[in-house]
Amino acid sequence: MSRHLPVILLLVLLPVWLAASYGARYGFMEDAQWVGVCVDEASRWECQVRSSLGLMIHFKVLGWSAVVAAVIGFVLQGRAGWWLGVLALALGFPALALYNTTLAVFAVVIAGLRLVRGSRAI
């Protein structure tokens, strides 16, 4: 297995994840069809998911989770820190798409810095 494979995989999957996040935003949260359906039938499982996602957006759960993962990942050395950086990007990209841009920008920058940081010789 190439040592660059995780980085290449990350560079392929993150844009797909960002596109899926924007799809959820425009196709599920802002679509007038879902607004009308959820006003009429709020007990549908789709409307419950939409409501829960709305609460997550309101309380900035994705943004804060991304910031926490990015800061801890930045401090930790080795693979654990690298994987926390990946987790921060995975949480930060949907936060960017789903209205938590203030927190998500910091998380994505910190996580990106962690991922490009070289290994330290001890």
N, C-alpha and C. Protein backbone atom coordinates (compact mmCIF):
# COMPACT_ATOMS: atom_id res chain seq x y z
N MET A 1 0.85 -1.18 0.00
CA MET A 1 0.00 0.00 0.00
C MET A 1 0.89 1.24 0.00
N SER A 2 0.61 2.14 -0.89
CA SER A 2 1.38 3.37 -0.99
C SER A 2 1.14 4.26 0.22
N ARG A 3 2.15 4.97 0.63
CA ARG A 3 1.97 5.86 1.78
C ARG A 3 1.17 7.10 1.41
N HIS A 4 1.01 7.35 0.13
CA HIS A 4 0.22 8.50 -0.33
C HIS A 4 -1.24 8.15 -0.56
N LEU A 5 -1.60 6.88 -0.46
CA LEU A 5 -2.97 6.45 -0.72
C LEU A 5 -3.98 7.13 0.21
N PRO A 6 -3.74 7.23 1.53
CA PRO A 6 -4.74 7.92 2.37
C PRO A 6 -4.95 9.39 1.98
N VAL A 7 -3.90 10.05 1.57
CA VAL A 7 -4.02 11.45 1.16
C VAL A 7 -4.81 11.56 -0.14
N ILE A 8 -4.52 10.68 -1.08
CA ILE A 8 -5.25 10.70 -2.35
C ILE A 8 -6.72 10.38 -2.12
N LEU A 9 -6.97 9.39 -1.28
CA LEU A 9 -8.35 9.04 -0.96
C LEU A 9 -9.07 10.21 -0.29
N LEU A 10 -8.38 10.90 0.59
CA LEU A 10 -8.96 12.06 1.26
C LEU A 10 -9.28 13.17 0.27
N LEU A 11 -8.38 13.39 -0.69
CA LEU A 11 -8.60 14.44 -1.69
C LEU A 11 -9.73 14.10 -2.65
N VAL A 12 -10.05 12.83 -2.78
CA VAL A 12 -11.16 12.42 -3.63
C VAL A 12 -12.47 12.45 -2.86
N LEU A 13 -12.45 11.98 -1.62
CA LEU A 13 -13.68 11.85 -0.84
C LEU A 13 -14.19 13.17 -0.25
N LEU A 14 -13.31 14.08 0.10
CA LEU A 14 -13.77 15.34 0.71
C LEU A 14 -14.63 16.19 -0.23
N PRO A 15 -14.28 16.35 -1.51
CA PRO A 15 -15.20 17.09 -2.39
C PRO A 15 -16.55 16.40 -2.57
N VAL A 16 -16.54 15.07 -2.59
CA VAL A 16 -17.80 14.34 -2.69
C VAL A 16 -18.64 14.58 -1.43
N TRP A 17 -17.99 14.58 -0.28
CA TRP A 17 -18.67 14.83 1.00
C TRP A 17 -19.22 16.26 1.04
N LEU A 18 -18.47 17.21 0.53
CA LEU A 18 -18.94 18.60 0.49
C LEU A 18 -20.14 18.73 -0.45
N ALA A 19 -20.09 18.06 -1.60
CA ALA A 19 -21.22 18.10 -2.53
C ALA A 19 -22.46 17.45 -1.91
N ALA A 20 -22.28 16.36 -1.18
CA ALA A 20 -23.41 15.72 -0.50
C ALA A 20 -23.99 16.64 0.57
N SER A 21 -23.13 17.39 1.25
CA SER A 21 -23.61 18.32 2.27
C SER A 21 -24.43 19.44 1.65
N TYR A 22 -23.96 19.96 0.52
CA TYR A 22 -24.75 20.99 -0.17
C TYR A 22 -26.04 20.41 -0.74
N GLY A 23 -26.00 19.15 -1.14
CA GLY A 23 -27.22 18.48 -1.58
C GLY A 23 -28.23 18.38 -0.46
N ALA A 24 -27.77 18.06 0.74
CA ALA A 24 -28.66 18.00 1.90
C ALA A 24 -29.22 19.38 2.22
N ARG A 25 -28.39 20.39 2.06
CA ARG A 25 -28.86 21.75 2.36
C ARG A 25 -29.94 22.20 1.38
N TYR A 26 -29.63 22.12 0.08
CA TYR A 26 -30.55 22.65 -0.91
C TYR A 26 -31.67 21.68 -1.27
N GLY A 27 -31.41 20.38 -1.17
CA GLY A 27 -32.42 19.41 -1.55
C GLY A 27 -33.32 18.96 -0.42
N PHE A 28 -32.89 19.20 0.82
CA PHE A 28 -33.66 18.70 1.95
C PHE A 28 -34.07 19.81 2.91
N MET A 29 -33.16 20.69 3.24
CA MET A 29 -33.47 21.73 4.22
C MET A 29 -34.20 22.93 3.61
N GLU A 30 -33.82 23.32 2.41
CA GLU A 30 -34.40 24.53 1.81
C GLU A 30 -35.43 24.26 0.74
N ASP A 31 -35.67 23.02 0.40
CA ASP A 31 -36.62 22.69 -0.66
C ASP A 31 -38.04 22.97 -0.19
N ALA A 32 -38.78 23.71 -0.98
CA ALA A 32 -40.15 24.09 -0.61
C ALA A 32 -41.07 22.86 -0.49
N GLN A 33 -40.78 21.82 -1.22
CA GLN A 33 -41.58 20.60 -1.14
C GLN A 33 -41.52 20.02 0.28
N TRP A 34 -40.31 19.95 0.85
CA TRP A 34 -40.17 19.38 2.20
C TRP A 34 -40.76 20.30 3.26
N VAL A 35 -40.69 21.59 3.03
CA VAL A 35 -41.31 22.51 3.99
C VAL A 35 -42.80 22.26 4.03
N GLY A 36 -43.43 22.13 2.88
CA GLY A 36 -44.87 21.88 2.83
C GLY A 36 -45.26 20.54 3.41
N VAL A 37 -44.49 19.51 3.10
CA VAL A 37 -44.78 18.17 3.62
C VAL A 37 -44.65 18.16 5.14
N CYS A 38 -43.63 18.79 5.66
CA CYS A 38 -43.38 18.74 7.10
C CYS A 38 -44.35 19.64 7.88
N VAL A 39 -44.94 20.61 7.23
CA VAL A 39 -45.98 21.39 7.90
C VAL A 39 -47.24 20.54 8.04
N ASP A 40 -47.57 19.77 6.99
CA ASP A 40 -48.77 18.95 7.01
C ASP A 40 -48.60 17.68 7.85
N GLU A 41 -47.46 17.01 7.71
CA GLU A 41 -47.25 15.73 8.38
C GLU A 41 -45.92 15.75 9.13
N ALA A 42 -45.89 16.36 10.28
CA ALA A 42 -44.65 16.50 11.04
C ALA A 42 -44.16 15.20 11.65
N SER A 43 -44.99 14.17 11.68
CA SER A 43 -44.59 12.92 12.30
C SER A 43 -43.84 11.98 11.35
N ARG A 44 -43.73 12.33 10.07
CA ARG A 44 -42.98 11.50 9.14
C ARG A 44 -41.52 11.43 9.54
N TRP A 45 -40.88 10.30 9.27
CA TRP A 45 -39.49 10.14 9.70
C TRP A 45 -38.57 11.13 8.99
N GLU A 46 -38.88 11.48 7.75
CA GLU A 46 -38.07 12.47 7.04
C GLU A 46 -38.14 13.83 7.72
N CYS A 47 -39.33 14.16 8.20
CA CYS A 47 -39.51 15.44 8.88
C CYS A 47 -38.82 15.44 10.24
N GLN A 48 -38.78 14.28 10.89
CA GLN A 48 -38.06 14.18 12.16
C GLN A 48 -36.56 14.36 11.94
N VAL A 49 -36.03 13.76 10.87
CA VAL A 49 -34.61 13.93 10.54
C VAL A 49 -34.33 15.38 10.20
N ARG A 50 -35.22 15.99 9.44
CA ARG A 50 -35.05 17.40 9.08
C ARG A 50 -35.09 18.30 10.31
N SER A 51 -35.98 17.99 11.24
CA SER A 51 -36.07 18.76 12.48
C SER A 51 -34.81 18.59 13.33
N SER A 52 -34.32 17.37 13.43
CA SER A 52 -33.10 17.13 14.20
C SER A 52 -31.90 17.82 13.57
N LEU A 53 -31.83 17.79 12.25
CA LEU A 53 -30.75 18.50 11.56
C LEU A 53 -30.86 20.00 11.79
N GLY A 54 -32.07 20.50 11.81
CA GLY A 54 -32.27 21.93 12.11
C GLY A 54 -31.81 22.29 13.50
N LEU A 55 -32.08 21.43 14.47
CA LEU A 55 -31.59 21.69 15.83
C LEU A 55 -30.07 21.62 15.90
N MET A 56 -29.48 20.68 15.17
CA MET A 56 -28.01 20.60 15.14
C MET A 56 -27.42 21.87 14.53
N ILE A 57 -28.08 22.39 13.52
CA ILE A 57 -27.61 23.63 12.91
C ILE A 57 -27.77 24.79 13.89
N HIS A 58 -28.91 24.86 14.55
CA HIS A 58 -29.17 25.96 15.47
C HIS A 58 -28.17 25.99 16.63
N PHE A 59 -27.87 24.83 17.18
CA PHE A 59 -26.94 24.77 18.31
C PHE A 59 -25.48 24.61 17.88
N LYS A 60 -25.22 24.67 16.58
CA LYS A 60 -23.88 24.64 16.01
C LYS A 60 -23.09 23.39 16.43
N VAL A 61 -23.76 22.25 16.45
CA VAL A 61 -23.15 21.01 16.90
C VAL A 61 -22.00 20.60 15.96
N LEU A 62 -22.22 20.66 14.67
CA LEU A 62 -21.17 20.27 13.73
C LEU A 62 -19.97 21.20 13.80
N GLY A 63 -20.23 22.49 13.90
CA GLY A 63 -19.14 23.45 13.97
C GLY A 63 -18.28 23.29 15.21
N TRP A 64 -18.92 23.17 16.36
CA TRP A 64 -18.16 22.99 17.60
C TRP A 64 -17.44 21.66 17.64
N SER A 65 -18.07 20.61 17.14
CA SER A 65 -17.41 19.30 17.10
C SER A 65 -16.18 19.35 16.21
N ALA A 66 -16.29 20.03 15.10
CA ALA A 66 -15.14 20.16 14.19
C ALA A 66 -14.01 20.95 14.83
N VAL A 67 -14.35 22.03 15.53
CA VAL A 67 -13.32 22.83 16.20
C VAL A 67 -12.62 22.02 17.28
N VAL A 68 -13.38 21.31 18.08
CA VAL A 68 -12.79 20.50 19.16
C VAL A 68 -11.88 19.42 18.58
N ALA A 69 -12.35 18.73 17.55
CA ALA A 69 -11.53 17.68 16.93
C ALA A 69 -10.27 18.27 16.30
N ALA A 70 -10.39 19.43 15.68
CA ALA A 70 -9.24 20.06 15.03
C ALA A 70 -8.19 20.49 16.05
N VAL A 71 -8.63 21.09 17.14
CA VAL A 71 -7.67 21.57 18.15
C VAL A 71 -6.98 20.39 18.83
N ILE A 72 -7.74 19.38 19.20
CA ILE A 72 -7.12 18.20 19.83
C ILE A 72 -6.20 17.50 18.84
N GLY A 73 -6.63 17.38 17.60
CA GLY A 73 -5.79 16.77 16.58
C GLY A 73 -4.53 17.56 16.31
N PHE A 74 -4.61 18.87 16.42
CA PHE A 74 -3.43 19.71 16.20
C PHE A 74 -2.40 19.51 17.30
N VAL A 75 -2.88 19.28 18.51
CA VAL A 75 -1.98 19.11 19.65
C VAL A 75 -1.37 17.71 19.68
N LEU A 76 -2.16 16.69 19.34
CA LEU A 76 -1.67 15.32 19.38
C LEU A 76 -0.68 15.06 18.25
N GLN A 77 0.29 14.21 18.54
CA GLN A 77 1.26 13.84 17.52
C GLN A 77 0.90 12.47 16.96
N GLY A 78 1.47 12.17 15.83
CA GLY A 78 1.32 10.84 15.25
C GLY A 78 0.01 10.64 14.52
N ARG A 79 -0.34 9.35 14.40
CA ARG A 79 -1.53 8.99 13.64
C ARG A 79 -2.82 9.46 14.30
N ALA A 80 -2.85 9.45 15.61
CA ALA A 80 -4.08 9.88 16.31
C ALA A 80 -4.42 11.33 15.96
N GLY A 81 -3.42 12.19 15.95
CA GLY A 81 -3.63 13.59 15.58
C GLY A 81 -4.03 13.74 14.13
N TRP A 82 -3.42 12.92 13.25
CA TRP A 82 -3.76 12.99 11.83
C TRP A 82 -5.20 12.57 11.62
N TRP A 83 -5.63 11.49 12.26
CA TRP A 83 -7.00 11.03 12.09
C TRP A 83 -8.01 11.99 12.71
N LEU A 84 -7.64 12.66 13.80
CA LEU A 84 -8.53 13.69 14.34
C LEU A 84 -8.63 14.87 13.37
N GLY A 85 -7.56 15.16 12.66
CA GLY A 85 -7.61 16.19 11.63
C GLY A 85 -8.56 15.80 10.51
N VAL A 86 -8.52 14.54 10.12
CA VAL A 86 -9.45 14.04 9.09
C VAL A 86 -10.89 14.13 9.60
N LEU A 87 -11.10 13.74 10.86
CA LEU A 87 -12.44 13.84 11.46
C LEU A 87 -12.91 15.28 11.49
N ALA A 88 -12.01 16.20 11.82
CA ALA A 88 -12.38 17.61 11.85
C ALA A 88 -12.78 18.10 10.46
N LEU A 89 -12.08 17.64 9.43
CA LEU A 89 -12.48 18.01 8.07
C LEU A 89 -13.82 17.40 7.70
N ALA A 90 -14.02 16.15 8.12
CA ALA A 90 -15.29 15.47 7.82
C ALA A 90 -16.46 16.13 8.53
N LEU A 91 -16.23 16.74 9.68
CA LEU A 91 -17.29 17.47 10.38
C LEU A 91 -17.36 18.92 9.92
N GLY A 92 -16.22 19.47 9.53
CA GLY A 92 -16.17 20.88 9.15
C GLY A 92 -16.78 21.18 7.79
N PHE A 93 -16.64 20.25 6.84
CA PHE A 93 -17.22 20.50 5.52
C PHE A 93 -18.75 20.57 5.57
N PRO A 94 -19.45 19.65 6.25
CA PRO A 94 -20.90 19.82 6.35
C PRO A 94 -21.28 21.07 7.15
N ALA A 95 -20.45 21.43 8.13
CA ALA A 95 -20.73 22.64 8.89
C ALA A 95 -20.62 23.87 7.99
N LEU A 96 -19.67 23.85 7.05
CA LEU A 96 -19.57 24.95 6.08
C LEU A 96 -20.83 25.05 5.23
N ALA A 97 -21.34 23.92 4.81
CA ALA A 97 -22.51 23.91 3.95
C ALA A 97 -23.80 24.17 4.72
N LEU A 98 -23.82 23.82 5.99
CA LEU A 98 -25.05 23.90 6.78
C LEU A 98 -25.01 25.05 7.79
N TYR A 99 -24.64 26.21 7.34
CA TYR A 99 -24.85 27.46 8.08
C TYR A 99 -23.97 27.66 9.31
N ASN A 100 -22.95 26.87 9.55
CA ASN A 100 -22.04 27.07 10.69
C ASN A 100 -20.67 27.54 10.20
N THR A 101 -20.67 28.46 9.28
CA THR A 101 -19.42 28.83 8.61
C THR A 101 -18.41 29.48 9.55
N THR A 102 -18.84 30.24 10.52
CA THR A 102 -17.91 30.94 11.39
C THR A 102 -17.00 29.96 12.12
N LEU A 103 -17.59 28.92 12.71
CA LEU A 103 -16.79 27.92 13.42
C LEU A 103 -16.08 26.99 12.45
N ALA A 104 -16.76 26.62 11.38
CA ALA A 104 -16.22 25.63 10.45
C ALA A 104 -14.97 26.13 9.73
N VAL A 105 -14.90 27.42 9.45
CA VAL A 105 -13.72 27.95 8.77
C VAL A 105 -12.49 27.74 9.63
N PHE A 106 -12.58 28.05 10.91
CA PHE A 106 -11.45 27.85 11.81
C PHE A 106 -11.10 26.38 11.92
N ALA A 107 -12.09 25.53 12.02
CA ALA A 107 -11.84 24.09 12.16
C ALA A 107 -11.17 23.53 10.91
N VAL A 108 -11.63 23.93 9.73
CA VAL A 108 -11.06 23.41 8.49
C VAL A 108 -9.62 23.90 8.32
N VAL A 109 -9.34 25.14 8.67
CA VAL A 109 -7.98 25.66 8.56
C VAL A 109 -7.06 24.95 9.54
N ILE A 110 -7.47 24.80 10.78
CA ILE A 110 -6.64 24.12 11.78
C ILE A 110 -6.42 22.66 11.39
N ALA A 111 -7.47 21.99 10.94
CA ALA A 111 -7.34 20.59 10.52
C ALA A 111 -6.44 20.47 9.30
N GLY A 112 -6.59 21.39 8.36
CA GLY A 112 -5.71 21.36 7.19
C GLY A 112 -4.25 21.57 7.55
N LEU A 113 -4.01 22.48 8.48
CA LEU A 113 -2.63 22.69 8.94
C LEU A 113 -2.09 21.44 9.63
N ARG A 114 -2.94 20.76 10.36
CA ARG A 114 -2.50 19.52 11.02
C ARG A 114 -2.15 18.45 10.01
N LEU A 115 -2.94 18.36 8.95
CA LEU A 115 -2.70 17.31 7.97
C LEU A 115 -1.44 17.55 7.14
N VAL A 116 -1.05 18.79 6.94
CA VAL A 116 0.14 19.05 6.15
C VAL A 116 1.39 19.18 7.00
N ARG A 117 1.24 19.18 8.30
CA ARG A 117 2.40 19.29 9.18
C ARG A 117 3.24 18.02 9.09
N GLY A 118 4.53 18.19 8.99
CA GLY A 118 5.43 17.05 8.90
C GLY A 118 5.62 16.38 10.25
N SER A 119 6.14 15.19 10.22
CA SER A 119 6.44 14.46 11.45
C SER A 119 7.64 15.09 12.14
N ARG A 120 7.56 15.12 13.45
CA ARG A 120 8.67 15.68 14.22
C ARG A 120 9.62 14.56 14.61
N ALA A 121 10.88 14.84 14.52
CA ALA A 121 11.89 13.87 14.96
C ALA A 121 12.13 14.09 16.46
N ILE A 122 12.03 13.01 17.21
CA ILE A 122 12.20 13.14 18.67
C ILE A 122 13.55 12.61 19.06
